[in-house]
Amino acid sequence: MPENVVSLAQFKVQEAVDSFYWKHGPCCAGCDWWAHLNSVCGECRQSAPVSCHERTAMLGLKFSSVCPGAGHVMTNREHRCGSFVDSFDWKSLPATYLQRIGFKGVCNA
């Protein structure tokens, strides 16, 4: 697959995550600790890696035919914990992008 197609796909996922954050307020989707795996879930890198079963428990998975292995806890984008932080300089992004994601200046919904 050409490199620009992958980049476009990654851009669309990031845009979906950013839009969710600005629509719903403080949550994993906008947290500095969170790294998205797709547009719906990601890893919280605020704490140390855990076992496979602990890693997927917050997604509601009790049994899986495939274990992703040890790593950071996986959460859905709407989750919010006491460690939430957003220090990203959103105004550094192009105005057209900010408009598409519903940027409001401060996210405190």
C-alpha atoms as a PDB file:
ATOM      1  CA  MET A   1       0.000   0.000   0.000  1.00  0.00           C
ATOM      2  CA  PRO A   2       1.410   3.460  -0.851  1.00  0.00           C
ATOM      3  CA  GLU A   3       2.741   5.445   2.092  1.00  0.00           C
ATOM      4  CA  ASN A   4       0.344   8.376   1.546  1.00  0.00           C
ATOM      5  CA  VAL A   5      -2.688   6.068   1.840  1.00  0.00           C
ATOM      6  CA  VAL A   6      -1.529   4.850   5.259  1.00  0.00           C
ATOM      7  CA  SER A   7      -0.885   8.437   6.328  1.00  0.00           C
ATOM      8  CA  LEU A   8      -4.380   9.465   5.208  1.00  0.00           C
ATOM      9  CA  ALA A   9      -5.907   6.552   7.151  1.00  0.00           C
ATOM     10  CA  GLN A  10      -3.947   7.507  10.270  1.00  0.00           C
ATOM     11  CA  PHE A  11      -4.989  11.146   9.834  1.00  0.00           C
ATOM     12  CA  LYS A  12      -8.673  10.154   9.602  1.00  0.00           C
ATOM     13  CA  VAL A  13      -8.402   8.091  12.810  1.00  0.00           C
ATOM     14  CA  GLN A  14      -6.736  10.996  14.627  1.00  0.00           C
ATOM     15  CA  GLU A  15      -9.410  13.372  13.355  1.00  0.00           C
ATOM     16  CA  ALA A  16     -12.157  11.035  14.618  1.00  0.00           C
ATOM     17  CA  VAL A  17     -10.493  10.826  18.056  1.00  0.00           C
ATOM     18  CA  ASP A  18     -10.040  14.615  18.246  1.00  0.00           C
ATOM     19  CA  SER A  19     -13.642  15.244  17.149  1.00  0.00           C
ATOM     20  CA  PHE A  20     -14.915  12.866  19.826  1.00  0.00           C
ATOM     21  CA  TYR A  21     -12.919  14.706  22.487  1.00  0.00           C
ATOM     22  CA  TRP A  22     -14.204  18.141  21.522  1.00  0.00           C
ATOM     23  CA  LYS A  23     -17.782  16.894  21.284  1.00  0.00           C
ATOM     24  CA  HIS A  24     -17.854  14.963  24.588  1.00  0.00           C
ATOM     25  CA  GLY A  25     -15.403  16.793  26.840  1.00  0.00           C
ATOM     26  CA  PRO A  26     -12.502  15.503  28.942  1.00  0.00           C
ATOM     27  CA  CYS A  27     -11.936  11.792  28.335  1.00  0.00           C
ATOM     28  CA  CYS A  28      -9.210   9.405  27.199  1.00  0.00           C
ATOM     29  CA  ALA A  29      -9.573  10.637  23.616  1.00  0.00           C
ATOM     30  CA  GLY A  30      -8.043  13.976  24.633  1.00  0.00           C
ATOM     31  CA  CYS A  31      -5.657  12.842  27.357  1.00  0.00           C
ATOM     32  CA  ASP A  32      -1.895  13.237  27.009  1.00  0.00           C
ATOM     33  CA  TRP A  33      -1.384   9.763  28.533  1.00  0.00           C
ATOM     34  CA  TRP A  34      -3.590   7.998  25.958  1.00  0.00           C
ATOM     35  CA  ALA A  35      -2.366   6.597  22.636  1.00  0.00           C
ATOM     36  CA  HIS A  36      -5.147   5.498  20.295  1.00  0.00           C
ATOM     37  CA  LEU A  37      -5.002   2.059  18.679  1.00  0.00           C
ATOM     38  CA  ASN A  38      -7.986   2.885  16.462  1.00  0.00           C
ATOM     39  CA  SER A  39     -10.759   5.491  16.608  1.00  0.00           C
ATOM     40  CA  VAL A  40     -12.505   3.802  19.569  1.00  0.00           C
ATOM     41  CA  CYS A  41      -9.878   2.423  21.963  1.00  0.00           C
ATOM     42  CA  GLY A  42      -6.284   2.944  22.976  1.00  0.00           C
ATOM     43  CA  GLU A  43      -3.646   2.480  25.654  1.00  0.00           C
ATOM     44  CA  CYS A  44      -3.196   4.516  28.817  1.00  0.00           C
ATOM     45  CA  ARG A  45       0.537   5.035  29.191  1.00  0.00           C
ATOM     46  CA  GLN A  46       0.271   6.725  32.577  1.00  0.00           C
ATOM     47  CA  SER A  47       1.122   3.527  34.462  1.00  0.00           C
ATOM     48  CA  ALA A  48       3.369   0.502  34.082  1.00  0.00           C
ATOM     49  CA  PRO A  49       2.516  -2.352  31.688  1.00  0.00           C
ATOM     50  CA  VAL A  50       0.238  -5.134  32.964  1.00  0.00           C
ATOM     51  CA  SER A  51      -0.649  -8.699  31.926  1.00  0.00           C
ATOM     52  CA  CYS A  52      -2.840  -9.480  28.924  1.00  0.00           C
ATOM     53  CA  HIS A  53      -5.995 -10.058  30.972  1.00  0.00           C
ATOM     54  CA  GLU A  54      -5.543  -6.904  33.054  1.00  0.00           C
ATOM     55  CA  ARG A  55      -4.777  -4.975  29.879  1.00  0.00           C
ATOM     56  CA  THR A  56      -8.104  -5.752  28.191  1.00  0.00           C
ATOM     57  CA  ALA A  57     -10.357  -5.891  31.281  1.00  0.00           C
ATOM     58  CA  MET A  58     -11.471  -2.239  31.020  1.00  0.00           C
ATOM     59  CA  LEU A  59     -12.731  -2.933  27.501  1.00  0.00           C
ATOM     60  CA  GLY A  60     -15.132  -5.470  29.032  1.00  0.00           C
ATOM     61  CA  LEU A  61     -13.317  -8.461  27.539  1.00  0.00           C
ATOM     62  CA  LYS A  62     -13.494 -11.504  29.768  1.00  0.00           C
ATOM     63  CA  PHE A  63     -12.314 -14.138  27.297  1.00  0.00           C
ATOM     64  CA  SER A  64     -10.544 -13.757  23.983  1.00  0.00           C
ATOM     65  CA  SER A  65      -9.179 -16.205  21.447  1.00  0.00           C
ATOM     66  CA  VAL A  66      -6.205 -13.882  20.956  1.00  0.00           C
ATOM     67  CA  CYS A  67      -4.274 -12.304  23.810  1.00  0.00           C
ATOM     68  CA  PRO A  68      -2.530  -9.040  22.865  1.00  0.00           C
ATOM     69  CA  GLY A  69       0.242  -9.766  25.359  1.00  0.00           C
ATOM     70  CA  ALA A  70       1.438  -7.628  28.232  1.00  0.00           C
ATOM     71  CA  GLY A  71       1.262  -3.875  27.770  1.00  0.00           C
ATOM     72  CA  HIS A  72      -0.496  -0.737  28.909  1.00  0.00           C
ATOM     73  CA  VAL A  73      -4.120  -0.826  30.062  1.00  0.00           C
ATOM     74  CA  MET A  74      -6.529  -0.464  27.149  1.00  0.00           C
ATOM     75  CA  THR A  75      -9.542   1.830  27.519  1.00  0.00           C
ATOM     76  CA  ASN A  76     -12.374   3.080  25.372  1.00  0.00           C
ATOM     77  CA  ARG A  77     -12.050   6.680  24.230  1.00  0.00           C
ATOM     78  CA  GLU A  78     -14.917   7.916  26.452  1.00  0.00           C
ATOM     79  CA  HIS A  79     -13.319   6.709  29.694  1.00  0.00           C
ATOM     80  CA  ARG A  80     -12.010   9.348  32.107  1.00  0.00           C
ATOM     81  CA  CYS A  81      -9.946   8.826  35.233  1.00  0.00           C
ATOM     82  CA  GLY A  82      -8.366  11.098  37.816  1.00  0.00           C
ATOM     83  CA  SER A  83      -5.125  11.301  35.834  1.00  0.00           C
ATOM     84  CA  PHE A  84      -6.651  13.166  32.874  1.00  0.00           C
ATOM     85  CA  VAL A  85      -4.444  15.924  31.455  1.00  0.00           C
ATOM     86  CA  ASP A  86      -4.528  17.863  28.185  1.00  0.00           C
ATOM     87  CA  SER A  87      -1.448  20.034  27.694  1.00  0.00           C
ATOM     88  CA  PHE A  88      -1.472  19.909  23.879  1.00  0.00           C
ATOM     89  CA  ASP A  89      -1.292  23.288  22.098  1.00  0.00           C
ATOM     90  CA  TRP A  90      -4.431  22.857  19.984  1.00  0.00           C
ATOM     91  CA  LYS A  91      -4.023  26.326  18.477  1.00  0.00           C
ATOM     92  CA  SER A  92      -0.857  25.098  16.740  1.00  0.00           C
ATOM     93  CA  LEU A  93      -3.060  23.109  14.330  1.00  0.00           C
ATOM     94  CA  PRO A  94      -4.506  24.574  11.105  1.00  0.00           C
ATOM     95  CA  ALA A  95      -7.722  26.562  11.559  1.00  0.00           C
ATOM     96  CA  THR A  96      -9.562  24.392   9.004  1.00  0.00           C
ATOM     97  CA  TYR A  97      -8.754  21.253  11.017  1.00  0.00           C
ATOM     98  CA  LEU A  98      -9.815  22.904  14.285  1.00  0.00           C
ATOM     99  CA  GLN A  99     -13.112  23.857  12.702  1.00  0.00           C
ATOM    100  CA  ARG A 100     -13.733  20.284  11.474  1.00  0.00           C
ATOM    101  CA  ILE A 101     -13.098  18.773  14.926  1.00  0.00           C
ATOM    102  CA  GLY A 102     -15.288  21.308  16.733  1.00  0.00           C
ATOM    103  CA  PHE A 103     -12.470  23.019  18.645  1.00  0.00           C
ATOM    104  CA  LYS A 104     -13.854  25.332  21.350  1.00  0.00           C
ATOM    105  CA  GLY A 105     -10.663  26.754  22.844  1.00  0.00           C
ATOM    106  CA  VAL A 106     -11.015  25.064  26.234  1.00  0.00           C
ATOM    107  CA  CYS A 107     -12.467  21.614  26.783  1.00  0.00           C
ATOM    108  CA  ASN A 108     -14.257  21.543  30.126  1.00  0.00           C
ATOM    109  CA  ALA A 109     -17.609  19.953  29.249  1.00  0.00           C
END
